[in-house]
C-alpha atoms as a PDB file:
ATOM      1  CA  UNK A   1      99.796 117.066  66.636  1.00  0.00           C
ATOM      2  CA  UNK A   2     103.004 118.325  68.250  1.00  0.00           C
ATOM      3  CA  UNK A   3     101.563 117.687  71.712  1.00  0.00           C
ATOM      4  CA  UNK A   4     100.765 114.072  70.797  1.00  0.00           C
ATOM      5  CA  UNK A   5     104.326 113.606  69.528  1.00  0.00           C
ATOM      6  CA  UNK A   6     105.774 115.004  72.732  1.00  0.00           C
ATOM      7  CA  UNK A   7     103.523 112.782  74.837  1.00  0.00           C
ATOM      8  CA  UNK A   8     104.516 109.686  72.836  1.00  0.00           C
ATOM      9  CA  UNK A   9     108.214 110.467  73.304  1.00  0.00           C
ATOM     10  CA  UNK A  10     107.788 111.098  77.029  1.00  0.00           C
ATOM     11  CA  UNK A  11     105.762 107.906  77.477  1.00  0.00           C
ATOM     12  CA  UNK A  12     108.420 105.956  75.630  1.00  0.00           C
ATOM     13  CA  UNK A  13     111.165 107.410  77.818  1.00  0.00           C
ATOM     14  CA  UNK A  14     109.104 106.648  80.933  1.00  0.00           C
ATOM     15  CA  UNK A  15     108.595 103.038  79.858  1.00  0.00           C
ATOM     16  CA  UNK A  16     112.308 102.675  79.153  1.00  0.00           C
ATOM     17  CA  UNK A  17     113.205 104.126  82.534  1.00  0.00           C
ATOM     18  CA  UNK A  18     110.832 101.824  84.388  1.00  0.00           C
ATOM     19  CA  UNK A  19     112.017  98.753  82.504  1.00  0.00           C
ATOM     20  CA  UNK A  20     115.635  99.632  83.340  1.00  0.00           C
ATOM     21  CA  UNK A  21     114.862  99.418  87.070  1.00  0.00           C
ATOM     22  CA  UNK A  22     115.514  96.261  89.026  1.00  0.00           C
ATOM     23  CA  UNK A  23     112.453  94.409  90.295  1.00  0.00           C
ATOM     24  CA  UNK A  24     113.123  95.771  93.792  1.00  0.00           C
ATOM     25  CA  UNK A  25     113.450  99.349  92.569  1.00  0.00           C
ATOM     26  CA  UNK A  26     110.260  99.015  90.547  1.00  0.00           C
ATOM     27  CA  UNK A  27     108.399  97.608  93.559  1.00  0.00           C
ATOM     28  CA  UNK A  28     109.647 100.446  95.736  1.00  0.00           C
ATOM     29  CA  UNK A  29     108.565 103.029  93.143  1.00  0.00           C
ATOM     30  CA  UNK A  30     105.108 101.496  92.865  1.00  0.00           C
ATOM     31  CA  UNK A  31     104.691 101.326  96.660  1.00  0.00           C
ATOM     32  CA  UNK A  32     105.483 105.055  96.850  1.00  0.00           C
ATOM     33  CA  UNK A  33     103.178 105.909  93.943  1.00  0.00           C
ATOM     34  CA  UNK A  34     100.628 103.109  93.304  1.00  0.00           C
ATOM     35  CA  UNK A  35      98.993 104.973  90.422  1.00  0.00           C
ATOM     36  CA  UNK A  36     102.239 104.604  88.476  1.00  0.00           C
ATOM     37  CA  UNK A  37     101.984 100.816  88.664  1.00  0.00           C
ATOM     38  CA  UNK A  38      98.499 100.936  87.182  1.00  0.00           C
ATOM     39  CA  UNK A  39      99.741 103.175  84.370  1.00  0.00           C
ATOM     40  CA  UNK A  40     102.690 100.868  83.739  1.00  0.00           C
ATOM     41  CA  UNK A  41     100.425  97.812  83.557  1.00  0.00           C
ATOM     42  CA  UNK A  42      98.091  99.590  81.130  1.00  0.00           C
ATOM     43  CA  UNK A  43     101.028 100.448  78.863  1.00  0.00           C
ATOM     44  CA  UNK A  44     102.269  96.856  78.893  1.00  0.00           C
ATOM     45  CA  UNK A  45      98.755  95.630  78.104  1.00  0.00           C
ATOM     46  CA  UNK A  46      98.451  98.129  75.258  1.00  0.00           C
ATOM     47  CA  UNK A  47     101.837  97.077  73.839  1.00  0.00           C
ATOM     48  CA  UNK A  48     100.898  93.407  73.963  1.00  0.00           C
ATOM     49  CA  UNK A  49      97.554  93.964  72.276  1.00  0.00           C
ATOM     50  CA  UNK A  50      99.157  95.984  69.461  1.00  0.00           C
ATOM     51  CA  UNK A  51     101.830  93.374  68.627  1.00  0.00           C
ATOM     52  CA  UNK A  52     101.285  91.331  65.481  1.00  0.00           C
ATOM     53  CA  UNK A  53     100.082  87.797  66.093  1.00  0.00           C
ATOM     54  CA  UNK A  54     102.241  86.268  63.388  1.00  0.00           C
ATOM     55  CA  UNK A  55      99.332  84.608  61.625  1.00  0.00           C
END
């Protein structure tokens, strides 16, 4: 349980850090480490699918 909490906090901090980057900085990061872009896209997709639809 504690490990899951730590991972959630770290993932949240990572997402915040990536979103704080400019588009150019983000592109540069993802060119240097393409697997990070895939992870970032998966997180965005997960966030979008978990948002309420408002219906």
